[in-house]
């Protein structure tokens, strides 16, 4: 009997024998949902932080430009 595998782009990624049952999202979809939410929140924080740094720098340049008058 052949064990089913999880495939990513046609190549076997994980054999079911290597991980416990609880890590397979088809059995418990909330695990996949929680992982997706975690990834989205992390990416959102990184992008938000980058945008925030750019905005702070722009505001600083504008304030310096107005106060110094150059």
C-alpha atoms as a PDB file:
ATOM      1  CA  UNK A   1       0.000   0.000   0.000  1.00  0.00           C
ATOM      2  CA  UNK A   2       1.349   3.408  -0.997  1.00  0.00           C
ATOM      3  CA  UNK A   3       1.138   6.297   1.457  1.00  0.00           C
ATOM      4  CA  UNK A   4      -0.467   9.493   0.162  1.00  0.00           C
ATOM      5  CA  UNK A   5       1.847  12.473  -0.071  1.00  0.00           C
ATOM      6  CA  UNK A   6       1.384  16.215  -0.001  1.00  0.00           C
ATOM      7  CA  UNK A   7       2.541  17.600  -3.347  1.00  0.00           C
ATOM      8  CA  UNK A   8       3.844  21.053  -4.164  1.00  0.00           C
ATOM      9  CA  UNK A   9       4.327  21.748  -7.882  1.00  0.00           C
ATOM     10  CA  UNK A  10       4.370  18.034  -8.648  1.00  0.00           C
ATOM     11  CA  UNK A  11       7.117  17.076  -6.199  1.00  0.00           C
ATOM     12  CA  UNK A  12       6.391  15.190  -2.989  1.00  0.00           C
ATOM     13  CA  UNK A  13       6.785  17.649  -0.115  1.00  0.00           C
ATOM     14  CA  UNK A  14       5.909  15.656   2.985  1.00  0.00           C
ATOM     15  CA  UNK A  15       5.049  12.045   3.549  1.00  0.00           C
ATOM     16  CA  UNK A  16       2.236  11.447   5.982  1.00  0.00           C
ATOM     17  CA  UNK A  17       4.537   9.230   7.979  1.00  0.00           C
ATOM     18  CA  UNK A  18       6.830  12.159   8.848  1.00  0.00           C
ATOM     19  CA  UNK A  19       4.275  14.391  10.596  1.00  0.00           C
ATOM     20  CA  UNK A  20       1.493  13.720  13.084  1.00  0.00           C
ATOM     21  CA  UNK A  21      -2.097  13.700  11.836  1.00  0.00           C
ATOM     22  CA  UNK A  22      -2.912  17.055  13.411  1.00  0.00           C
ATOM     23  CA  UNK A  23      -0.665  18.985  11.010  1.00  0.00           C
ATOM     24  CA  UNK A  24      -2.647  18.071   7.905  1.00  0.00           C
ATOM     25  CA  UNK A  25      -5.119  20.831   7.081  1.00  0.00           C
ATOM     26  CA  UNK A  26      -7.636  18.610   5.272  1.00  0.00           C
ATOM     27  CA  UNK A  27      -8.460  17.024   8.621  1.00  0.00           C
ATOM     28  CA  UNK A  28      -8.595  20.299  10.592  1.00  0.00           C
ATOM     29  CA  UNK A  29      -9.114  23.330   8.362  1.00  0.00           C
ATOM     30  CA  UNK A  30      -8.740  25.812  11.241  1.00  0.00           C
ATOM     31  CA  UNK A  31      -4.993  25.130  11.384  1.00  0.00           C
ATOM     32  CA  UNK A  32      -4.582  26.229   7.762  1.00  0.00           C
ATOM     33  CA  UNK A  33      -6.793  29.247   8.424  1.00  0.00           C
ATOM     34  CA  UNK A  34      -4.766  30.257  11.487  1.00  0.00           C
ATOM     35  CA  UNK A  35      -1.488  29.912   9.570  1.00  0.00           C
ATOM     36  CA  UNK A  36      -2.851  32.011   6.688  1.00  0.00           C
ATOM     37  CA  UNK A  37      -4.028  34.727   9.092  1.00  0.00           C
ATOM     38  CA  UNK A  38      -0.635  34.733  10.819  1.00  0.00           C
ATOM     39  CA  UNK A  39       1.190  35.144   7.499  1.00  0.00           C
ATOM     40  CA  UNK A  40      -1.154  37.942   6.397  1.00  0.00           C
ATOM     41  CA  UNK A  41      -0.759  39.800   9.701  1.00  0.00           C
ATOM     42  CA  UNK A  42       3.043  39.494   9.558  1.00  0.00           C
ATOM     43  CA  UNK A  43       3.198  40.751   5.968  1.00  0.00           C
ATOM     44  CA  UNK A  44       0.786  43.569   6.834  1.00  0.00           C
ATOM     45  CA  UNK A  45       2.935  44.683   9.754  1.00  0.00           C
ATOM     46  CA  UNK A  46       6.103  44.623   7.653  1.00  0.00           C
ATOM     47  CA  UNK A  47       4.523  46.628   4.828  1.00  0.00           C
ATOM     48  CA  UNK A  48       2.866  49.006   7.288  1.00  0.00           C
ATOM     49  CA  UNK A  49       6.161  49.569   9.070  1.00  0.00           C
ATOM     50  CA  UNK A  50       7.949  50.354   5.806  1.00  0.00           C
ATOM     51  CA  UNK A  51       5.219  52.789   4.722  1.00  0.00           C
ATOM     52  CA  UNK A  52       5.242  54.374   8.187  1.00  0.00           C
ATOM     53  CA  UNK A  53       9.002  54.938   8.060  1.00  0.00           C
ATOM     54  CA  UNK A  54       8.726  56.613   4.652  1.00  0.00           C
ATOM     55  CA  UNK A  55       5.897  58.858   5.874  1.00  0.00           C
ATOM     56  CA  UNK A  56       7.817  59.868   9.018  1.00  0.00           C
ATOM     57  CA  UNK A  57      10.848  60.775   6.913  1.00  0.00           C
ATOM     58  CA  UNK A  58       8.722  62.818   4.500  1.00  0.00           C
ATOM     59  CA  UNK A  59       7.028  64.700   7.345  1.00  0.00           C
ATOM     60  CA  UNK A  60      10.430  65.361   8.936  1.00  0.00           C
ATOM     61  CA  UNK A  61      11.792  66.777   5.686  1.00  0.00           C
ATOM     62  CA  UNK A  62       8.698  68.988   5.270  1.00  0.00           C
ATOM     63  CA  UNK A  63       8.889  70.264   8.868  1.00  0.00           C
ATOM     64  CA  UNK A  64      12.604  71.024   8.500  1.00  0.00           C
ATOM     65  CA  UNK A  65      11.953  72.759   5.197  1.00  0.00           C
ATOM     66  CA  UNK A  66       9.248  74.965   6.742  1.00  0.00           C
ATOM     67  CA  UNK A  67      11.083  75.762   9.998  1.00  0.00           C
ATOM     68  CA  UNK A  68      14.493  76.438   8.471  1.00  0.00           C
ATOM     69  CA  UNK A  69      12.959  78.193   5.469  1.00  0.00           C
ATOM     70  CA  UNK A  70      15.323  76.864   2.830  1.00  0.00           C
END
